[in-house]
């Protein structure tokens, strides 16, 4: 499927996140004008998901990655608030459990792949098993490259079996992350979101940026593309991602399945 977006990372392109804007607003003059467009995108998603769910011809896997506070939870809440929850599952990938560590690193991801007719959202993903271990030198550069190859094979196999894969990196600036963490510190209602790990990992900002450069460059393909979404403006992040999702479902050209009975024969 051919997708168009200014944020699409084409195959074999070397990504430099430091050269990509985090504060793009898409030309919207106000937050309110963008919100009206988001409503239209959500309405499209709702209508298209009905057909997607009914047809059960394809599955959709959405991968959300980003630095802490990039807005993965907010993206899910604001974009998918209008879709049928029966057709949508969210999987979060945290520190591997003891059982998960006994399997290959892709086991827990494969276990969460959506079946046909379903939208699956990965809040963090199998990419965590390359990023954090690489930054903290738990695995070598050679092992990381091997995992890139395994991920590419894994995603190619999924695509060959009817899974549409869209991967989004929510690209925020370090200054914006600082502001969002400070907002959590200042608001008692947001203290539950605070994690000691978030503040610890901030020390490795630049290392993570380099790791993401490698990850995105090595694993963006036509069958499983990455999109680097400017995410300093939460309202524009949601507009940009929802448009890509709606356009993708629309281009699948799915139809409702034929009825299993003739409705004209029914008399009530």
C-alpha atoms as a PDB file:
ATOM      1  CA  UNK A   1       0.000   0.000   0.000  1.00  0.00           C
ATOM      2  CA  UNK A   2       1.362   3.396  -0.988  1.00  0.00           C
ATOM      3  CA  UNK A   3       1.018   5.976   1.785  1.00  0.00           C
ATOM      4  CA  UNK A   4       1.631   9.699   1.616  1.00  0.00           C
ATOM      5  CA  UNK A   5       2.686  11.814   4.567  1.00  0.00           C
ATOM      6  CA  UNK A   6       5.350  14.454   5.181  1.00  0.00           C
ATOM      7  CA  UNK A   7       6.304  12.429   8.250  1.00  0.00           C
ATOM      8  CA  UNK A   8       6.815   9.102   6.480  1.00  0.00           C
ATOM      9  CA  UNK A   9      10.316   7.650   6.747  1.00  0.00           C
ATOM     10  CA  UNK A  10      11.122   6.082   3.401  1.00  0.00           C
ATOM     11  CA  UNK A  11      13.051   2.799   3.274  1.00  0.00           C
ATOM     12  CA  UNK A  12      16.850   3.012   3.341  1.00  0.00           C
ATOM     13  CA  UNK A  13      16.839   6.652   4.500  1.00  0.00           C
ATOM     14  CA  UNK A  14      19.177   7.546   7.331  1.00  0.00           C
ATOM     15  CA  UNK A  15      17.173   9.306  10.037  1.00  0.00           C
ATOM     16  CA  UNK A  16      18.564  12.212  12.059  1.00  0.00           C
ATOM     17  CA  UNK A  17      15.968  13.159  14.660  1.00  0.00           C
ATOM     18  CA  UNK A  18      17.923  16.282  15.567  1.00  0.00           C
ATOM     19  CA  UNK A  19      17.150  17.621  12.088  1.00  0.00           C
ATOM     20  CA  UNK A  20      13.416  16.955  12.272  1.00  0.00           C
ATOM     21  CA  UNK A  21      11.025  19.489  13.779  1.00  0.00           C
ATOM     22  CA  UNK A  22       9.234  18.674  16.994  1.00  0.00           C
ATOM     23  CA  UNK A  23       7.005  21.778  16.976  1.00  0.00           C
ATOM     24  CA  UNK A  24       5.328  21.636  13.549  1.00  0.00           C
ATOM     25  CA  UNK A  25       1.694  22.745  13.812  1.00  0.00           C
ATOM     26  CA  UNK A  26       0.547  21.780  10.325  1.00  0.00           C
ATOM     27  CA  UNK A  27      -0.372  25.368   9.528  1.00  0.00           C
ATOM     28  CA  UNK A  28      -3.317  25.444  11.923  1.00  0.00           C
ATOM     29  CA  UNK A  29      -3.751  28.919  13.335  1.00  0.00           C
ATOM     30  CA  UNK A  30      -5.402  27.829  16.567  1.00  0.00           C
ATOM     31  CA  UNK A  31      -5.775  24.749  18.723  1.00  0.00           C
ATOM     32  CA  UNK A  32      -9.523  25.025  18.257  1.00  0.00           C
ATOM     33  CA  UNK A  33      -9.323  24.850  14.461  1.00  0.00           C
ATOM     34  CA  UNK A  34      -7.220  21.694  14.717  1.00  0.00           C
ATOM     35  CA  UNK A  35      -9.730  20.179  17.153  1.00  0.00           C
ATOM     36  CA  UNK A  36     -12.490  20.499  14.536  1.00  0.00           C
ATOM     37  CA  UNK A  37     -10.376  18.548  12.054  1.00  0.00           C
ATOM     38  CA  UNK A  38      -9.667  15.866  14.642  1.00  0.00           C
ATOM     39  CA  UNK A  39     -13.414  15.359  15.101  1.00  0.00           C
ATOM     40  CA  UNK A  40     -13.768  14.789  11.343  1.00  0.00           C
ATOM     41  CA  UNK A  41     -10.905  12.280  11.380  1.00  0.00           C
ATOM     42  CA  UNK A  42     -12.459  10.428  14.322  1.00  0.00           C
ATOM     43  CA  UNK A  43     -15.787  10.245  12.498  1.00  0.00           C
ATOM     44  CA  UNK A  44     -14.024   8.760   9.478  1.00  0.00           C
ATOM     45  CA  UNK A  45     -12.229   6.250  11.707  1.00  0.00           C
ATOM     46  CA  UNK A  46     -15.483   5.222  13.342  1.00  0.00           C
ATOM     47  CA  UNK A  47     -17.198   4.570  10.003  1.00  0.00           C
ATOM     48  CA  UNK A  48     -14.185   2.793   8.502  1.00  0.00           C
ATOM     49  CA  UNK A  49     -13.662   0.657  11.603  1.00  0.00           C
ATOM     50  CA  UNK A  50     -17.195  -0.707  11.287  1.00  0.00           C
ATOM     51  CA  UNK A  51     -16.374  -2.056   7.838  1.00  0.00           C
ATOM     52  CA  UNK A  52     -12.926  -3.190   8.965  1.00  0.00           C
ATOM     53  CA  UNK A  53     -14.378  -5.137  11.889  1.00  0.00           C
ATOM     54  CA  UNK A  54     -17.194  -6.664   9.847  1.00  0.00           C
ATOM     55  CA  UNK A  55     -15.043  -7.737   6.897  1.00  0.00           C
ATOM     56  CA  UNK A  56     -12.388  -9.522   9.003  1.00  0.00           C
ATOM     57  CA  UNK A  57     -10.043  -9.467   6.013  1.00  0.00           C
ATOM     58  CA  UNK A  58      -7.160  -7.517   7.517  1.00  0.00           C
ATOM     59  CA  UNK A  59      -5.714  -6.663  10.928  1.00  0.00           C
ATOM     60  CA  UNK A  60      -4.212  -3.292  11.866  1.00  0.00           C
ATOM     61  CA  UNK A  61      -1.224  -3.000  14.205  1.00  0.00           C
ATOM     62  CA  UNK A  62      -0.370   0.483  15.463  1.00  0.00           C
ATOM     63  CA  UNK A  63       2.980   0.908  17.204  1.00  0.00           C
ATOM     64  CA  UNK A  64       3.486   3.967  19.421  1.00  0.00           C
ATOM     65  CA  UNK A  65       7.000   4.788  20.567  1.00  0.00           C
ATOM     66  CA  UNK A  66       8.515   7.894  22.091  1.00  0.00           C
ATOM     67  CA  UNK A  67      10.439   9.321  24.986  1.00  0.00           C
ATOM     68  CA  UNK A  68       8.736   9.550  28.372  1.00  0.00           C
ATOM     69  CA  UNK A  69       5.873  12.124  28.317  1.00  0.00           C
ATOM     70  CA  UNK A  70       5.772  12.035  24.486  1.00  0.00           C
ATOM     71  CA  UNK A  71       2.031  11.372  24.683  1.00  0.00           C
ATOM     72  CA  UNK A  72       1.436   7.709  23.897  1.00  0.00           C
ATOM     73  CA  UNK A  73      -1.453   7.447  26.380  1.00  0.00           C
ATOM     74  CA  UNK A  74      -2.930  10.748  25.216  1.00  0.00           C
ATOM     75  CA  UNK A  75      -2.749   9.690  21.581  1.00  0.00           C
ATOM     76  CA  UNK A  76      -4.775   6.569  22.329  1.00  0.00           C
ATOM     77  CA  UNK A  77      -7.319   8.454  24.422  1.00  0.00           C
ATOM     78  CA  UNK A  78      -7.916  11.348  22.019  1.00  0.00           C
ATOM     79  CA  UNK A  79      -7.900   9.472  18.705  1.00  0.00           C
ATOM     80  CA  UNK A  80      -9.676   6.243  19.617  1.00  0.00           C
ATOM     81  CA  UNK A  81     -12.333   7.613  21.963  1.00  0.00           C
ATOM     82  CA  UNK A  82     -14.963   7.223  19.248  1.00  0.00           C
ATOM     83  CA  UNK A  83     -14.230   3.764  17.868  1.00  0.00           C
ATOM     84  CA  UNK A  84     -16.045   0.589  18.865  1.00  0.00           C
ATOM     85  CA  UNK A  85     -14.080  -0.879  21.810  1.00  0.00           C
ATOM     86  CA  UNK A  86     -15.051  -4.387  20.664  1.00  0.00           C
ATOM     87  CA  UNK A  87     -12.729  -3.958  17.709  1.00  0.00           C
ATOM     88  CA  UNK A  88      -9.730  -2.401  19.438  1.00  0.00           C
ATOM     89  CA  UNK A  89      -7.151  -3.786  21.898  1.00  0.00           C
ATOM     90  CA  UNK A  90      -4.283  -1.987  23.622  1.00  0.00           C
ATOM     91  CA  UNK A  91      -1.139  -3.810  24.756  1.00  0.00           C
ATOM     92  CA  UNK A  92       1.482  -2.127  26.951  1.00  0.00           C
ATOM     93  CA  UNK A  93       5.077  -3.315  26.989  1.00  0.00           C
ATOM     94  CA  UNK A  94       6.911  -2.701  30.216  1.00  0.00           C
ATOM     95  CA  UNK A  95       9.915  -4.452  31.789  1.00  0.00           C
ATOM     96  CA  UNK A  96       9.762  -8.122  30.693  1.00  0.00           C
ATOM     97  CA  UNK A  97       8.331 -10.545  33.219  1.00  0.00           C
ATOM     98  CA  UNK A  98      10.242 -13.625  34.354  1.00  0.00           C
ATOM     99  CA  UNK A  99       8.244 -15.738  31.903  1.00  0.00           C
ATOM    100  CA  UNK A 100       8.821 -13.320  29.008  1.00  0.00           C
ATOM    101  CA  UNK A 101      12.565 -13.299  29.663  1.00  0.00           C
ATOM    102  CA  UNK A 102      12.630 -17.081  29.211  1.00  0.00           C
ATOM    103  CA  UNK A 103      11.348 -16.678  25.641  1.00  0.00           C
ATOM    104  CA  UNK A 104      12.827 -15.000  22.591  1.00  0.00           C
ATOM    105  CA  UNK A 105      12.426 -11.212  22.704  1.00  0.00           C
ATOM    106  CA  UNK A 106       9.623 -11.214  20.103  1.00  0.00           C
ATOM    107  CA  UNK A 107       7.473 -13.783  21.914  1.00  0.00           C
ATOM    108  CA  UNK A 108       5.429 -11.304  23.943  1.00  0.00           C
ATOM    109  CA  UNK A 109       4.834  -9.135  20.863  1.00  0.00           C
ATOM    110  CA  UNK A 110       3.698 -12.039  18.708  1.00  0.00           C
ATOM    111  CA  UNK A 111       1.342 -13.069  21.472  1.00  0.00           C
ATOM    112  CA  UNK A 112      -0.398  -9.674  21.240  1.00  0.00           C
ATOM    113  CA  UNK A 113      -0.771  -9.342  17.451  1.00  0.00           C
ATOM    114  CA  UNK A 114      -4.399  -8.491  16.586  1.00  0.00           C
ATOM    115  CA  UNK A 115      -6.495 -11.015  14.644  1.00  0.00           C
ATOM    116  CA  UNK A 116      -8.197 -10.027  11.388  1.00  0.00           C
ATOM    117  CA  UNK A 117     -10.916  -7.470  11.926  1.00  0.00           C
ATOM    118  CA  UNK A 118      -9.205  -5.996  14.984  1.00  0.00           C
ATOM    119  CA  UNK A 119      -7.108  -2.901  15.605  1.00  0.00           C
ATOM    120  CA  UNK A 120      -4.213  -3.581  17.957  1.00  0.00           C
ATOM    121  CA  UNK A 121      -2.318  -0.721  19.583  1.00  0.00           C
ATOM    122  CA  UNK A 122       1.116  -1.276  21.082  1.00  0.00           C
ATOM    123  CA  UNK A 123       1.856   1.306  23.797  1.00  0.00           C
ATOM    124  CA  UNK A 124       5.600   0.821  23.531  1.00  0.00           C
ATOM    125  CA  UNK A 125       6.412  -2.388  21.747  1.00  0.00           C
ATOM    126  CA  UNK A 126       8.936  -5.015  20.712  1.00  0.00           C
ATOM    127  CA  UNK A 127      11.271  -2.112  19.948  1.00  0.00           C
ATOM    128  CA  UNK A 128      11.801  -1.645  23.675  1.00  0.00           C
ATOM    129  CA  UNK A 129      13.901  -4.812  23.588  1.00  0.00           C
ATOM    130  CA  UNK A 130      16.374  -3.076  21.308  1.00  0.00           C
ATOM    131  CA  UNK A 131      16.277   0.480  22.658  1.00  0.00           C
ATOM    132  CA  UNK A 132      16.794   0.252  26.419  1.00  0.00           C
ATOM    133  CA  UNK A 133      19.239  -2.690  26.332  1.00  0.00           C
ATOM    134  CA  UNK A 134      21.310  -0.865  23.714  1.00  0.00           C
ATOM    135  CA  UNK A 135      21.346   2.444  25.623  1.00  0.00           C
ATOM    136  CA  UNK A 136      22.336   0.707  28.855  1.00  0.00           C
ATOM    137  CA  UNK A 137      24.877  -1.512  27.094  1.00  0.00           C
ATOM    138  CA  UNK A 138      23.108  -4.723  28.042  1.00  0.00           C
ATOM    139  CA  UNK A 139      23.432  -5.828  24.422  1.00  0.00           C
ATOM    140  CA  UNK A 140      26.142  -5.031  21.897  1.00  0.00           C
ATOM    141  CA  UNK A 141      25.783  -3.144  18.636  1.00  0.00           C
ATOM    142  CA  UNK A 142      26.093  -6.483  16.822  1.00  0.00           C
ATOM    143  CA  UNK A 143      23.229  -7.973  18.830  1.00  0.00           C
ATOM    144  CA  UNK A 144      21.138  -4.876  18.168  1.00  0.00           C
ATOM    145  CA  UNK A 145      21.689  -5.263  14.419  1.00  0.00           C
ATOM    146  CA  UNK A 146      20.705  -8.910  14.663  1.00  0.00           C
ATOM    147  CA  UNK A 147      17.489  -7.904  16.428  1.00  0.00           C
ATOM    148  CA  UNK A 148      16.769  -5.338  13.712  1.00  0.00           C
ATOM    149  CA  UNK A 149      16.965  -8.149  11.159  1.00  0.00           C
ATOM    150  CA  UNK A 150      14.690 -10.364  13.255  1.00  0.00           C
ATOM    151  CA  UNK A 151      12.171  -7.547  13.646  1.00  0.00           C
ATOM    152  CA  UNK A 152      12.186  -6.906   9.906  1.00  0.00           C
ATOM    153  CA  UNK A 153      11.538 -10.599   9.210  1.00  0.00           C
ATOM    154  CA  UNK A 154       8.825 -10.684  11.891  1.00  0.00           C
ATOM    155  CA  UNK A 155       6.994  -7.674  10.492  1.00  0.00           C
ATOM    156  CA  UNK A 156       7.341  -8.912   6.920  1.00  0.00           C
ATOM    157  CA  UNK A 157       5.717 -12.199   7.944  1.00  0.00           C
ATOM    158  CA  UNK A 158       2.870 -10.335   9.626  1.00  0.00           C
ATOM    159  CA  UNK A 159       2.316  -8.158   6.553  1.00  0.00           C
ATOM    160  CA  UNK A 160       2.276 -11.237   4.305  1.00  0.00           C
ATOM    161  CA  UNK A 161      -0.490 -12.608   6.517  1.00  0.00           C
ATOM    162  CA  UNK A 162      -2.800  -9.629   6.289  1.00  0.00           C
ATOM    163  CA  UNK A 163      -1.557  -7.385   9.098  1.00  0.00           C
ATOM    164  CA  UNK A 164      -1.280  -3.696   8.205  1.00  0.00           C
ATOM    165  CA  UNK A 165       1.519  -2.165  10.282  1.00  0.00           C
ATOM    166  CA  UNK A 166       1.876   1.545  11.065  1.00  0.00           C
ATOM    167  CA  UNK A 167       4.618   2.719  13.432  1.00  0.00           C
ATOM    168  CA  UNK A 168       4.669   6.183  15.002  1.00  0.00           C
ATOM    169  CA  UNK A 169       7.542   7.855  16.812  1.00  0.00           C
ATOM    170  CA  UNK A 170       6.174  10.749  18.864  1.00  0.00           C
ATOM    171  CA  UNK A 171       8.943  13.310  18.480  1.00  0.00           C
ATOM    172  CA  UNK A 172       9.192  15.838  21.320  1.00  0.00           C
ATOM    173  CA  UNK A 173      11.996  18.198  22.301  1.00  0.00           C
ATOM    174  CA  UNK A 174      13.909  17.854  25.538  1.00  0.00           C
ATOM    175  CA  UNK A 175      12.556  21.247  26.584  1.00  0.00           C
ATOM    176  CA  UNK A 176       8.993  20.064  26.077  1.00  0.00           C
ATOM    177  CA  UNK A 177       9.653  16.923  28.092  1.00  0.00           C
ATOM    178  CA  UNK A 178      10.995  19.100  30.924  1.00  0.00           C
ATOM    179  CA  UNK A 179       7.839  21.227  30.839  1.00  0.00           C
ATOM    180  CA  UNK A 180       5.567  18.185  30.915  1.00  0.00           C
ATOM    181  CA  UNK A 181       7.411  16.593  33.809  1.00  0.00           C
ATOM    182  CA  UNK A 182       7.275  19.877  35.714  1.00  0.00           C
ATOM    183  CA  UNK A 183       3.520  20.057  35.076  1.00  0.00           C
ATOM    184  CA  UNK A 184       3.150  16.624  36.637  1.00  0.00           C
ATOM    185  CA  UNK A 185       5.180  17.688  39.641  1.00  0.00           C
ATOM    186  CA  UNK A 186       3.056  20.818  40.072  1.00  0.00           C
ATOM    187  CA  UNK A 187      -0.306  19.067  39.779  1.00  0.00           C
ATOM    188  CA  UNK A 188      -1.221  16.642  42.595  1.00  0.00           C
ATOM    189  CA  UNK A 189      -3.783  14.986  40.308  1.00  0.00           C
ATOM    190  CA  UNK A 190      -0.930  13.935  38.030  1.00  0.00           C
ATOM    191  CA  UNK A 191       1.430  12.624  40.702  1.00  0.00           C
ATOM    192  CA  UNK A 192       0.260   9.084  39.971  1.00  0.00           C
ATOM    193  CA  UNK A 193       1.958   9.392  36.590  1.00  0.00           C
ATOM    194  CA  UNK A 194       5.344  10.099  38.151  1.00  0.00           C
ATOM    195  CA  UNK A 195       7.961   7.393  38.027  1.00  0.00           C
ATOM    196  CA  UNK A 196      11.503   7.431  39.352  1.00  0.00           C
ATOM    197  CA  UNK A 197      12.526   5.679  36.130  1.00  0.00           C
ATOM    198  CA  UNK A 198      11.317   8.655  34.062  1.00  0.00           C
ATOM    199  CA  UNK A 199      13.730  10.997  35.815  1.00  0.00           C
ATOM    200  CA  UNK A 200      16.560   8.480  35.716  1.00  0.00           C
ATOM    201  CA  UNK A 201      16.155   7.841  31.986  1.00  0.00           C
ATOM    202  CA  UNK A 202      16.305  11.602  31.280  1.00  0.00           C
ATOM    203  CA  UNK A 203      20.041  11.332  31.835  1.00  0.00           C
ATOM    204  CA  UNK A 204      20.227   9.214  28.685  1.00  0.00           C
ATOM    205  CA  UNK A 205      18.273  11.548  26.394  1.00  0.00           C
ATOM    206  CA  UNK A 206      20.975  11.820  23.750  1.00  0.00           C
ATOM    207  CA  UNK A 207      21.757   8.100  23.866  1.00  0.00           C
ATOM    208  CA  UNK A 208      18.083   7.319  23.259  1.00  0.00           C
ATOM    209  CA  UNK A 209      17.957   9.785  20.386  1.00  0.00           C
ATOM    210  CA  UNK A 210      20.882   8.009  18.734  1.00  0.00           C
ATOM    211  CA  UNK A 211      19.292   4.623  19.391  1.00  0.00           C
ATOM    212  CA  UNK A 212      16.032   5.757  17.812  1.00  0.00           C
ATOM    213  CA  UNK A 213      17.960   7.052  14.805  1.00  0.00           C
ATOM    214  CA  UNK A 214      19.299   3.530  14.283  1.00  0.00           C
ATOM    215  CA  UNK A 215      16.005   1.771  15.001  1.00  0.00           C
ATOM    216  CA  UNK A 216      13.900   3.873  12.655  1.00  0.00           C
ATOM    217  CA  UNK A 217      16.518   3.892   9.892  1.00  0.00           C
ATOM    218  CA  UNK A 218      16.895   0.109   9.982  1.00  0.00           C
ATOM    219  CA  UNK A 219      13.247  -0.895  10.263  1.00  0.00           C
ATOM    220  CA  UNK A 220      11.137   1.488   8.165  1.00  0.00           C
ATOM    221  CA  UNK A 221       9.845  -0.411   5.157  1.00  0.00           C
ATOM    222  CA  UNK A 222       6.936  -0.139   2.781  1.00  0.00           C
ATOM    223  CA  UNK A 223       5.169  -3.022   4.547  1.00  0.00           C
ATOM    224  CA  UNK A 224       5.880  -1.554   8.014  1.00  0.00           C
ATOM    225  CA  UNK A 225       6.624   2.169   7.760  1.00  0.00           C
ATOM    226  CA  UNK A 226       7.712   4.541  10.482  1.00  0.00           C
ATOM    227  CA  UNK A 227       6.281   8.042  10.805  1.00  0.00           C
ATOM    228  CA  UNK A 228       8.156  10.644  12.858  1.00  0.00           C
ATOM    229  CA  UNK A 229       5.325  12.775  14.232  1.00  0.00           C
ATOM    230  CA  UNK A 230       6.082  16.243  15.650  1.00  0.00           C
ATOM    231  CA  UNK A 231       4.556  16.012  19.120  1.00  0.00           C
ATOM    232  CA  UNK A 232       5.365  19.200  21.023  1.00  0.00           C
ATOM    233  CA  UNK A 233       1.808  20.319  20.227  1.00  0.00           C
ATOM    234  CA  UNK A 234      -0.433  17.540  21.497  1.00  0.00           C
ATOM    235  CA  UNK A 235      -3.383  18.763  19.461  1.00  0.00           C
ATOM    236  CA  UNK A 236      -1.448  18.618  16.197  1.00  0.00           C
ATOM    237  CA  UNK A 237       0.060  15.221  17.039  1.00  0.00           C
ATOM    238  CA  UNK A 238      -3.463  13.815  17.230  1.00  0.00           C
ATOM    239  CA  UNK A 239      -4.533  15.418  13.941  1.00  0.00           C
ATOM    240  CA  UNK A 240      -1.466  14.133  12.083  1.00  0.00           C
ATOM    241  CA  UNK A 241      -1.755  10.550  13.328  1.00  0.00           C
ATOM    242  CA  UNK A 242      -5.542  10.295  12.934  1.00  0.00           C
ATOM    243  CA  UNK A 243      -5.291  11.421   9.302  1.00  0.00           C
ATOM    244  CA  UNK A 244      -2.744   8.714   8.512  1.00  0.00           C
ATOM    245  CA  UNK A 245      -4.909   6.074  10.194  1.00  0.00           C
ATOM    246  CA  UNK A 246      -8.108   7.123   8.417  1.00  0.00           C
ATOM    247  CA  UNK A 247      -6.372   7.381   5.046  1.00  0.00           C
ATOM    248  CA  UNK A 248      -4.858   3.913   5.523  1.00  0.00           C
ATOM    249  CA  UNK A 249      -8.175   2.248   6.343  1.00  0.00           C
ATOM    250  CA  UNK A 250      -9.815   4.052   3.435  1.00  0.00           C
ATOM    251  CA  UNK A 251      -7.193   2.811   0.975  1.00  0.00           C
ATOM    252  CA  UNK A 252      -7.827  -0.793   1.959  1.00  0.00           C
ATOM    253  CA  UNK A 253     -11.119  -0.526   0.022  1.00  0.00           C
ATOM    254  CA  UNK A 254     -12.820  -3.043   2.278  1.00  0.00           C
ATOM    255  CA  UNK A 255     -16.523  -3.851   1.997  1.00  0.00           C
ATOM    256  CA  UNK A 256     -19.133  -5.303   4.275  1.00  0.00           C
ATOM    257  CA  UNK A 257     -19.367  -9.088   3.849  1.00  0.00           C
ATOM    258  CA  UNK A 258     -22.281 -10.580   1.943  1.00  0.00           C
ATOM    259  CA  UNK A 259     -25.205 -11.475   4.237  1.00  0.00           C
ATOM    260  CA  UNK A 260     -25.600 -15.118   5.187  1.00  0.00           C
ATOM    261  CA  UNK A 261     -29.339 -14.876   4.590  1.00  0.00           C
ATOM    262  CA  UNK A 262     -31.727 -12.949   2.388  1.00  0.00           C
ATOM    263  CA  UNK A 263     -33.264 -10.164   4.513  1.00  0.00           C
ATOM    264  CA  UNK A 264     -36.200  -9.927   2.098  1.00  0.00           C
ATOM    265  CA  UNK A 265     -37.381 -13.365   3.180  1.00  0.00           C
ATOM    266  CA  UNK A 266     -37.847 -12.275   6.795  1.00  0.00           C
ATOM    267  CA  UNK A 267     -41.329 -11.313   7.953  1.00  0.00           C
ATOM    268  CA  UNK A 268     -41.808  -9.872  11.428  1.00  0.00           C
END
